[in-house]
Amino acid sequence: MKPLVSAFNAWTCIVISLFAIVILSVIGSMFVNGHHSLMGSDEDPEDGGKVEAAVLGAVGVYGFFLLFCGCQAFVHRRQSRQGEIAVR
């Protein structure tokens, strides 16, 4: 199997996805709990649950990116060790 992205891009995507998952999860939990810094003023959203659902959707997308790029990094590592099975 040949990788679709380079090893550098795969590892960069892994790091960014992990960071985004952590940060967005914290922000989503703050909305669901009605934290005063996110839900305290008149211009803030009324329903924190709906905002949290949208944020968790983004977490799901980043989770998919993490899974895809993790597989790509695994393929690169396997190829670099000469472990790929070649049919000739």
PDB file of N, CA and C in Angstrom:
ATOM      1  N   MET A   1       0.844  -1.170   0.000  1.00  0.00           N
ATOM      2  CA  MET A   1       0.000   0.000   0.000  1.00  0.00           C
ATOM      3  C   MET A   1       0.894   1.240   0.000  1.00  0.00           C
ATOM      4  N   LYS A   2       0.554   2.202  -0.830  1.00  0.00           N
ATOM      5  CA  LYS A   2       1.311   3.435  -0.883  1.00  0.00           C
ATOM      6  C   LYS A   2       0.589   4.510  -0.079  1.00  0.00           C
ATOM      7  N   PRO A   3       1.354   5.302   0.659  1.00  0.00           N
ATOM      8  CA  PRO A   3       0.722   6.374   1.429  1.00  0.00           C
ATOM      9  C   PRO A   3       0.213   7.495   0.526  1.00  0.00           C
ATOM     10  N   LEU A   4      -0.826   8.174   0.977  1.00  0.00           N
ATOM     11  CA  LEU A   4      -1.410   9.270   0.222  1.00  0.00           C
ATOM     12  C   LEU A   4      -0.769  10.618   0.547  1.00  0.00           C
ATOM     13  N   VAL A   5      -0.233  10.762   1.756  1.00  0.00           N
ATOM     14  CA  VAL A   5       0.422  12.002   2.166  1.00  0.00           C
ATOM     15  C   VAL A   5       1.823  11.688   2.645  1.00  0.00           C
ATOM     16  N   SER A   6       2.667  12.703   2.707  1.00  0.00           N
ATOM     17  CA  SER A   6       4.043  12.491   3.149  1.00  0.00           C
ATOM     18  C   SER A   6       4.080  12.227   4.654  1.00  0.00           C
ATOM     19  N   ALA A   7       5.212  11.714   5.111  1.00  0.00           N
ATOM     20  CA  ALA A   7       5.360  11.409   6.532  1.00  0.00           C
ATOM     21  C   ALA A   7       5.280  12.682   7.370  1.00  0.00           C
ATOM     22  N   PHE A   8       5.905  13.761   6.889  1.00  0.00           N
ATOM     23  CA  PHE A   8       5.865  15.034   7.617  1.00  0.00           C
ATOM     24  C   PHE A   8       4.431  15.535   7.746  1.00  0.00           C
ATOM     25  N   ASN A   9       3.661  15.473   6.662  1.00  0.00           N
ATOM     26  CA  ASN A   9       2.265  15.922   6.711  1.00  0.00           C
ATOM     27  C   ASN A   9       1.433  15.043   7.633  1.00  0.00           C
ATOM     28  N   ALA A  10       1.701  13.755   7.634  1.00  0.00           N
ATOM     29  CA  ALA A  10       0.950  12.847   8.506  1.00  0.00           C
ATOM     30  C   ALA A  10       1.208  13.164   9.976  1.00  0.00           C
ATOM     31  N   TRP A  11       2.464  13.347  10.355  1.00  0.00           N
ATOM     32  CA  TRP A  11       2.787  13.645  11.750  1.00  0.00           C
ATOM     33  C   TRP A  11       2.315  15.033  12.152  1.00  0.00           C
ATOM     34  N   THR A  12       2.365  15.990  11.228  1.00  0.00           N
ATOM     35  CA  THR A  12       1.848  17.323  11.517  1.00  0.00           C
ATOM     36  C   THR A  12       0.346  17.268  11.772  1.00  0.00           C
ATOM     37  N   CYS A  13      -0.355  16.515  10.962  1.00  0.00           N
ATOM     38  CA  CYS A  13      -1.803  16.361  11.127  1.00  0.00           C
ATOM     39  C   CYS A  13      -2.129  15.680  12.456  1.00  0.00           C
ATOM     40  N   ILE A  14      -1.327  14.723  12.868  1.00  0.00           N
ATOM     41  CA  ILE A  14      -1.538  14.043  14.149  1.00  0.00           C
ATOM     42  C   ILE A  14      -1.420  15.035  15.300  1.00  0.00           C
ATOM     43  N   VAL A  15      -0.371  15.847  15.285  1.00  0.00           N
ATOM     44  CA  VAL A  15      -0.145  16.807  16.372  1.00  0.00           C
ATOM     45  C   VAL A  15      -1.267  17.845  16.408  1.00  0.00           C
ATOM     46  N   ILE A  16      -1.620  18.394  15.259  1.00  0.00           N
ATOM     47  CA  ILE A  16      -2.671  19.408  15.210  1.00  0.00           C
ATOM     48  C   ILE A  16      -4.012  18.815  15.636  1.00  0.00           C
ATOM     49  N   SER A  17      -4.306  17.599  15.202  1.00  0.00           N
ATOM     50  CA  SER A  17      -5.573  16.961  15.565  1.00  0.00           C
ATOM     51  C   SER A  17      -5.657  16.705  17.065  1.00  0.00           C
ATOM     52  N   LEU A  18      -4.583  16.232  17.668  1.00  0.00           N
ATOM     53  CA  LEU A  18      -4.586  16.007  19.120  1.00  0.00           C
ATOM     54  C   LEU A  18      -4.812  17.311  19.869  1.00  0.00           C
ATOM     55  N   PHE A  19      -4.119  18.367  19.449  1.00  0.00           N
ATOM     56  CA  PHE A  19      -4.274  19.667  20.086  1.00  0.00           C
ATOM     57  C   PHE A  19      -5.711  20.163  19.947  1.00  0.00           C
ATOM     58  N   ALA A  20      -6.276  20.056  18.746  1.00  0.00           N
ATOM     59  CA  ALA A  20      -7.634  20.534  18.508  1.00  0.00           C
ATOM     60  C   ALA A  20      -8.658  19.735  19.304  1.00  0.00           C
ATOM     61  N   ILE A  21      -8.471  18.428  19.405  1.00  0.00           N
ATOM     62  CA  ILE A  21      -9.409  17.598  20.163  1.00  0.00           C
ATOM     63  C   ILE A  21      -9.421  18.003  21.631  1.00  0.00           C
ATOM     64  N   VAL A  22      -8.252  18.228  22.205  1.00  0.00           N
ATOM     65  CA  VAL A  22      -8.177  18.614  23.613  1.00  0.00           C
ATOM     66  C   VAL A  22      -8.819  19.984  23.824  1.00  0.00           C
ATOM     67  N   ILE A  23      -8.430  20.965  23.024  1.00  0.00           N
ATOM     68  CA  ILE A  23      -8.935  22.328  23.209  1.00  0.00           C
ATOM     69  C   ILE A  23     -10.446  22.397  22.977  1.00  0.00           C
ATOM     70  N   LEU A  24     -10.918  21.792  21.888  1.00  0.00           N
ATOM     71  CA  LEU A  24     -12.352  21.851  21.597  1.00  0.00           C
ATOM     72  C   LEU A  24     -13.173  21.078  22.631  1.00  0.00           C
ATOM     73  N   SER A  25     -12.628  20.012  23.172  1.00  0.00           N
ATOM     74  CA  SER A  25     -13.341  19.275  24.224  1.00  0.00           C
ATOM     75  C   SER A  25     -13.502  20.139  25.479  1.00  0.00           C
ATOM     76  N   VAL A  26     -12.461  20.878  25.816  1.00  0.00           N
ATOM     77  CA  VAL A  26     -12.539  21.772  26.977  1.00  0.00           C
ATOM     78  C   VAL A  26     -13.564  22.877  26.721  1.00  0.00           C
ATOM     79  N   ILE A  27     -13.527  23.471  25.534  1.00  0.00           N
ATOM     80  CA  ILE A  27     -14.482  24.533  25.202  1.00  0.00           C
ATOM     81  C   ILE A  27     -15.913  23.996  25.207  1.00  0.00           C
ATOM     82  N   GLY A  28     -16.114  22.804  24.649  1.00  0.00           N
ATOM     83  CA  GLY A  28     -17.448  22.202  24.649  1.00  0.00           C
ATOM     84  C   GLY A  28     -17.961  21.937  26.047  1.00  0.00           C
ATOM     85  N   SER A  29     -17.095  21.454  26.925  1.00  0.00           N
ATOM     86  CA  SER A  29     -17.534  21.187  28.297  1.00  0.00           C
ATOM     87  C   SER A  29     -17.840  22.496  29.032  1.00  0.00           C
ATOM     88  N   MET A  30     -17.126  23.564  28.691  1.00  0.00           N
ATOM     89  CA  MET A  30     -17.425  24.862  29.308  1.00  0.00           C
ATOM     90  C   MET A  30     -18.794  25.375  28.859  1.00  0.00           C
ATOM     91  N   PHE A  31     -19.149  25.167  27.596  1.00  0.00           N
ATOM     92  CA  PHE A  31     -20.467  25.583  27.122  1.00  0.00           C
ATOM     93  C   PHE A  31     -21.571  24.769  27.769  1.00  0.00           C
ATOM     94  N   VAL A  32     -21.377  23.482  27.896  1.00  0.00           N
ATOM     95  CA  VAL A  32     -22.430  22.631  28.449  1.00  0.00           C
ATOM     96  C   VAL A  32     -22.638  22.924  29.940  1.00  0.00           C
ATOM     97  N   ASN A  33     -21.579  23.316  30.633  1.00  0.00           N
ATOM     98  CA  ASN A  33     -21.704  23.631  32.056  1.00  0.00           C
ATOM     99  C   ASN A  33     -22.111  25.077  32.295  1.00  0.00           C
ATOM    100  N   GLY A  34     -22.227  25.879  31.224  1.00  0.00           N
ATOM    101  CA  GLY A  34     -22.644  27.278  31.365  1.00  0.00           C
ATOM    102  C   GLY A  34     -21.606  28.139  32.051  1.00  0.00           C
ATOM    103  N   HIS A  35     -20.351  27.930  31.737  1.00  0.00           N
ATOM    104  CA  HIS A  35     -19.275  28.694  32.351  1.00  0.00           C
ATOM    105  C   HIS A  35     -19.498  30.182  32.107  1.00  0.00           C
ATOM    106  N   HIS A  36     -19.263  30.981  33.131  1.00  0.00           N
ATOM    107  CA  HIS A  36     -19.599  32.405  33.053  1.00  0.00           C
ATOM    108  C   HIS A  36     -18.792  33.172  32.009  1.00  0.00           C
ATOM    109  N   SER A  37     -17.583  32.722  31.676  1.00  0.00           N
ATOM    110  CA  SER A  37     -16.782  33.445  30.683  1.00  0.00           C
ATOM    111  C   SER A  37     -17.301  33.227  29.263  1.00  0.00           C
ATOM    112  N   LEU A  38     -18.064  32.160  29.039  1.00  0.00           N
ATOM    113  CA  LEU A  38     -18.615  31.894  27.715  1.00  0.00           C
ATOM    114  C   LEU A  38     -20.111  32.176  27.621  1.00  0.00           C
ATOM    115  N   MET A  39     -20.809  32.164  28.726  1.00  0.00           N
ATOM    116  CA  MET A  39     -22.264  32.291  28.707  1.00  0.00           C
ATOM    117  C   MET A  39     -22.754  33.459  29.564  1.00  0.00           C
ATOM    118  N   GLY A  40     -21.883  34.359  29.978  1.00  0.00           N
ATOM    119  CA  GLY A  40     -22.256  35.368  30.964  1.00  0.00           C
ATOM    120  C   GLY A  40     -22.816  36.664  30.425  1.00  0.00           C
ATOM    121  N   SER A  41     -22.550  37.045  29.185  1.00  0.00           N
ATOM    122  CA  SER A  41     -23.011  38.358  28.724  1.00  0.00           C
ATOM    123  C   SER A  41     -24.277  38.226  27.884  1.00  0.00           C
ATOM    124  N   ASP A  42     -24.807  39.369  27.472  1.00  0.00           N
ATOM    125  CA  ASP A  42     -26.055  39.396  26.692  1.00  0.00           C
ATOM    126  C   ASP A  42     -25.859  38.913  25.265  1.00  0.00           C
ATOM    127  N   GLU A  43     -24.656  39.035  24.717  1.00  0.00           N
ATOM    128  CA  GLU A  43     -24.389  38.666  23.325  1.00  0.00           C
ATOM    129  C   GLU A  43     -24.014  37.196  23.149  1.00  0.00           C
ATOM    130  N   ASP A  44     -23.883  36.477  24.244  1.00  0.00           N
ATOM    131  CA  ASP A  44     -23.501  35.070  24.175  1.00  0.00           C
ATOM    132  C   ASP A  44     -24.714  34.211  23.825  1.00  0.00           C
ATOM    133  N   PRO A  45     -24.487  32.985  23.335  1.00  0.00           N
ATOM    134  CA  PRO A  45     -25.621  32.127  22.964  1.00  0.00           C
ATOM    135  C   PRO A  45     -26.480  31.763  24.179  1.00  0.00           C
ATOM    136  N   GLU A  46     -27.750  31.558  23.903  1.00  0.00           N
ATOM    137  CA  GLU A  46     -28.700  31.217  24.965  1.00  0.00           C
ATOM    138  C   GLU A  46     -28.598  29.745  25.374  1.00  0.00           C
ATOM    139  N   ASP A  47     -28.425  28.868  24.378  1.00  0.00           N
ATOM    140  CA  ASP A  47     -28.431  27.426  24.625  1.00  0.00           C
ATOM    141  C   ASP A  47     -27.024  26.865  24.438  1.00  0.00           C
ATOM    142  N   GLY A  48     -26.343  26.604  25.537  1.00  0.00           N
ATOM    143  CA  GLY A  48     -24.994  26.063  25.471  1.00  0.00           C
ATOM    144  C   GLY A  48     -24.946  24.642  24.952  1.00  0.00           C
ATOM    145  N   GLY A  49     -26.031  23.908  25.075  1.00  0.00           N
ATOM    146  CA  GLY A  49     -26.078  22.525  24.594  1.00  0.00           C
ATOM    147  C   GLY A  49     -25.971  22.433  23.086  1.00  0.00           C
ATOM    148  N   LYS A  50     -26.613  23.363  22.376  1.00  0.00           N
ATOM    149  CA  LYS A  50     -26.522  23.360  20.917  1.00  0.00           C
ATOM    150  C   LYS A  50     -25.119  23.727  20.445  1.00  0.00           C
ATOM    151  N   VAL A  51     -24.507  24.677  21.125  1.00  0.00           N
ATOM    152  CA  VAL A  51     -23.140  25.051  20.778  1.00  0.00           C
ATOM    153  C   VAL A  51     -22.203  23.885  21.055  1.00  0.00           C
ATOM    154  N   GLU A  52     -22.428  23.209  22.162  1.00  0.00           N
ATOM    155  CA  GLU A  52     -21.592  22.062  22.521  1.00  0.00           C
ATOM    156  C   GLU A  52     -21.738  20.944  21.502  1.00  0.00           C
ATOM    157  N   ALA A  53     -22.924  20.752  20.950  1.00  0.00           N
ATOM    158  CA  ALA A  53     -23.122  19.727  19.928  1.00  0.00           C
ATOM    159  C   ALA A  53     -22.343  20.062  18.664  1.00  0.00           C
ATOM    160  N   ALA A  54     -22.309  21.329  18.292  1.00  0.00           N
ATOM    161  CA  ALA A  54     -21.537  21.748  17.117  1.00  0.00           C
ATOM    162  C   ALA A  54     -20.038  21.572  17.363  1.00  0.00           C
ATOM    163  N   VAL A  55     -19.603  21.902  18.562  1.00  0.00           N
ATOM    164  CA  VAL A  55     -18.182  21.750  18.900  1.00  0.00           C
ATOM    165  C   VAL A  55     -17.802  20.271  18.908  1.00  0.00           C
ATOM    166  N   LEU A  56     -18.669  19.418  19.413  1.00  0.00           N
ATOM    167  CA  LEU A  56     -18.378  17.981  19.412  1.00  0.00           C
ATOM    168  C   LEU A  56     -18.381  17.412  17.999  1.00  0.00           C
ATOM    169  N   GLY A  57     -19.151  18.008  17.095  1.00  0.00           N
ATOM    170  CA  GLY A  57     -19.065  17.622  15.684  1.00  0.00           C
ATOM    171  C   GLY A  57     -17.687  17.908  15.122  1.00  0.00           C
ATOM    172  N   ALA A  58     -17.127  19.057  15.493  1.00  0.00           N
ATOM    173  CA  ALA A  58     -15.768  19.394  15.061  1.00  0.00           C
ATOM    174  C   ALA A  58     -14.752  18.436  15.682  1.00  0.00           C
ATOM    175  N   VAL A  59     -14.984  18.041  16.924  1.00  0.00           N
ATOM    176  CA  VAL A  59     -14.098  17.062  17.566  1.00  0.00           C
ATOM    177  C   VAL A  59     -14.140  15.739  16.803  1.00  0.00           C
ATOM    178  N   GLY A  60     -15.314  15.357  16.324  1.00  0.00           N
ATOM    179  CA  GLY A  60     -15.440  14.131  15.527  1.00  0.00           C
ATOM    180  C   GLY A  60     -14.670  14.213  14.224  1.00  0.00           C
ATOM    181  N   VAL A  61     -14.718  15.373  13.575  1.00  0.00           N
ATOM    182  CA  VAL A  61     -13.969  15.560  12.328  1.00  0.00           C
ATOM    183  C   VAL A  61     -12.470  15.457  12.595  1.00  0.00           C
ATOM    184  N   TYR A  62     -12.007  16.105  13.657  1.00  0.00           N
ATOM    185  CA  TYR A  62     -10.589  16.008  14.001  1.00  0.00           C
ATOM    186  C   TYR A  62     -10.208  14.589  14.422  1.00  0.00           C
ATOM    187  N   GLY A  63     -11.131  13.858  15.021  1.00  0.00           N
ATOM    188  CA  GLY A  63     -10.882  12.455  15.344  1.00  0.00           C
ATOM    189  C   GLY A  63     -10.684  11.623  14.091  1.00  0.00           C
ATOM    190  N   PHE A  64     -11.491  11.903  13.057  1.00  0.00           N
ATOM    191  CA  PHE A  64     -11.311  11.220  11.778  1.00  0.00           C
ATOM    192  C   PHE A  64      -9.956  11.561  11.176  1.00  0.00           C
ATOM    193  N   PHE A  65      -9.563  12.839  11.207  1.00  0.00           N
ATOM    194  CA  PHE A  65      -8.241  13.245  10.709  1.00  0.00           C
ATOM    195  C   PHE A  65      -7.139  12.514  11.464  1.00  0.00           C
ATOM    196  N   LEU A  66      -7.297  12.399  12.783  1.00  0.00           N
ATOM    197  CA  LEU A  66      -6.301  11.708  13.602  1.00  0.00           C
ATOM    198  C   LEU A  66      -6.181  10.246  13.193  1.00  0.00           C
ATOM    199  N   LEU A  67      -7.296   9.596  12.971  1.00  0.00           N
ATOM    200  CA  LEU A  67      -7.291   8.192  12.565  1.00  0.00           C
ATOM    201  C   LEU A  67      -6.641   8.024  11.194  1.00  0.00           C
ATOM    202  N   PHE A  68      -7.036   8.857  10.229  1.00  0.00           N
ATOM    203  CA  PHE A  68      -6.482   8.773   8.884  1.00  0.00           C
ATOM    204  C   PHE A  68      -4.983   9.045   8.882  1.00  0.00           C
ATOM    205  N   CYS A  69      -4.553  10.097   9.545  1.00  0.00           N
ATOM    206  CA  CYS A  69      -3.133  10.443   9.532  1.00  0.00           C
ATOM    207  C   CYS A  69      -2.309   9.451  10.353  1.00  0.00           C
ATOM    208  N   GLY A  70      -2.915   8.874  11.374  1.00  0.00           N
ATOM    209  CA  GLY A  70      -2.220   7.826  12.121  1.00  0.00           C
ATOM    210  C   GLY A  70      -1.961   6.608  11.247  1.00  0.00           C
ATOM    211  N   CYS A  71      -2.943   6.256  10.425  1.00  0.00           N
ATOM    212  CA  CYS A  71      -2.753   5.143   9.482  1.00  0.00           C
ATOM    213  C   CYS A  71      -1.679   5.470   8.455  1.00  0.00           C
ATOM    214  N   GLN A  72      -1.656   6.716   7.989  1.00  0.00           N
ATOM    215  CA  GLN A  72      -0.637   7.121   7.026  1.00  0.00           C
ATOM    216  C   GLN A  72       0.761   7.075   7.650  1.00  0.00           C
ATOM    217  N   ALA A  73       0.892   7.515   8.890  1.00  0.00           N
ATOM    218  CA  ALA A  73       2.182   7.461   9.575  1.00  0.00           C
ATOM    219  C   ALA A  73       2.621   6.007   9.769  1.00  0.00           C
ATOM    220  N   PHE A  74       1.671   5.129  10.075  1.00  0.00           N
ATOM    221  CA  PHE A  74       1.994   3.709  10.219  1.00  0.00           C
ATOM    222  C   PHE A  74       2.496   3.118   8.905  1.00  0.00           C
ATOM    223  N   VAL A  75       1.860   3.491   7.791  1.00  0.00           N
ATOM    224  CA  VAL A  75       2.293   2.990   6.486  1.00  0.00           C
ATOM    225  C   VAL A  75       3.704   3.487   6.174  1.00  0.00           C
ATOM    226  N   HIS A  76       3.988   4.739   6.476  1.00  0.00           N
ATOM    227  CA  HIS A  76       5.341   5.274   6.250  1.00  0.00           C
ATOM    228  C   HIS A  76       6.372   4.533   7.105  1.00  0.00           C
ATOM    229  N   ARG A  77       6.022   4.300   8.356  1.00  0.00           N
ATOM    230  CA  ARG A  77       6.962   3.601   9.245  1.00  0.00           C
ATOM    231  C   ARG A  77       7.213   2.180   8.749  1.00  0.00           C
ATOM    232  N   ARG A  78       6.158   1.522   8.287  1.00  0.00           N
ATOM    233  CA  ARG A  78       6.301   0.158   7.790  1.00  0.00           C
ATOM    234  C   ARG A  78       7.166   0.112   6.542  1.00  0.00           C
ATOM    235  N   GLN A  79       6.991   1.094   5.652  1.00  0.00           N
ATOM    236  CA  GLN A  79       7.810   1.143   4.439  1.00  0.00           C
ATOM    237  C   GLN A  79       9.265   1.446   4.756  1.00  0.00           C
ATOM    238  N   SER A  80       9.519   2.300   5.729  1.00  0.00           N
ATOM    239  CA  SER A  80      10.895   2.667   6.050  1.00  0.00           C
ATOM    240  C   SER A  80      11.661   1.501   6.667  1.00  0.00           C
ATOM    241  N   ARG A  81      10.965   0.561   7.265  1.00  0.00           N
ATOM    242  CA  ARG A  81      11.603  -0.619   7.852  1.00  0.00           C
ATOM    243  C   ARG A  81      11.714  -1.763   6.853  1.00  0.00           C
ATOM    244  N   GLN A  82      11.343  -1.528   5.615  1.00  0.00           N
ATOM    245  CA  GLN A  82      11.378  -2.560   4.568  1.00  0.00           C
ATOM    246  C   GLN A  82      10.439  -3.707   4.906  1.00  0.00           C
ATOM    247  N   GLY A  83       9.363  -3.420   5.601  1.00  0.00           N
ATOM    248  CA  GLY A  83       8.449  -4.460   6.012  1.00  0.00           C
ATOM    249  C   GLY A  83       7.257  -4.619   5.095  1.00  0.00           C
ATOM    250  N   GLU A  84       7.227  -3.829   4.043  1.00  0.00           N
ATOM    251  CA  GLU A  84       6.083  -3.914   3.139  1.00  0.00           C
ATOM    252  C   GLU A  84       6.162  -5.207   2.318  1.00  0.00           C
ATOM    253  N   ILE A  85       5.065  -5.848   2.152  1.00  0.00           N
ATOM    254  CA  ILE A  85       5.020  -7.077   1.346  1.00  0.00           C
ATOM    255  C   ILE A  85       4.907  -6.688  -0.112  1.00  0.00           C
ATOM    256  N   ALA A  86       5.855  -7.131  -0.908  1.00  0.00           N
ATOM    257  CA  ALA A  86       5.860  -6.809  -2.331  1.00  0.00           C
ATOM    258  C   ALA A  86       5.507  -8.046  -3.128  1.00  0.00           C
ATOM    259  N   VAL A  87       4.515  -7.932  -3.973  1.00  0.00           N
ATOM    260  CA  VAL A  87       4.132  -9.034  -4.859  1.00  0.00           C
ATOM    261  C   VAL A  87       4.831  -8.810  -6.187  1.00  0.00           C
ATOM    262  N   ARG A  88       5.646  -9.776  -6.613  1.00  0.00           N
ATOM    263  CA  ARG A  88       6.392  -9.615  -7.865  1.00  0.00           C
ATOM    264  C   ARG A  88       6.042 -10.709  -8.821  1.00  0.00           C
TER     265      ARG A  88
END
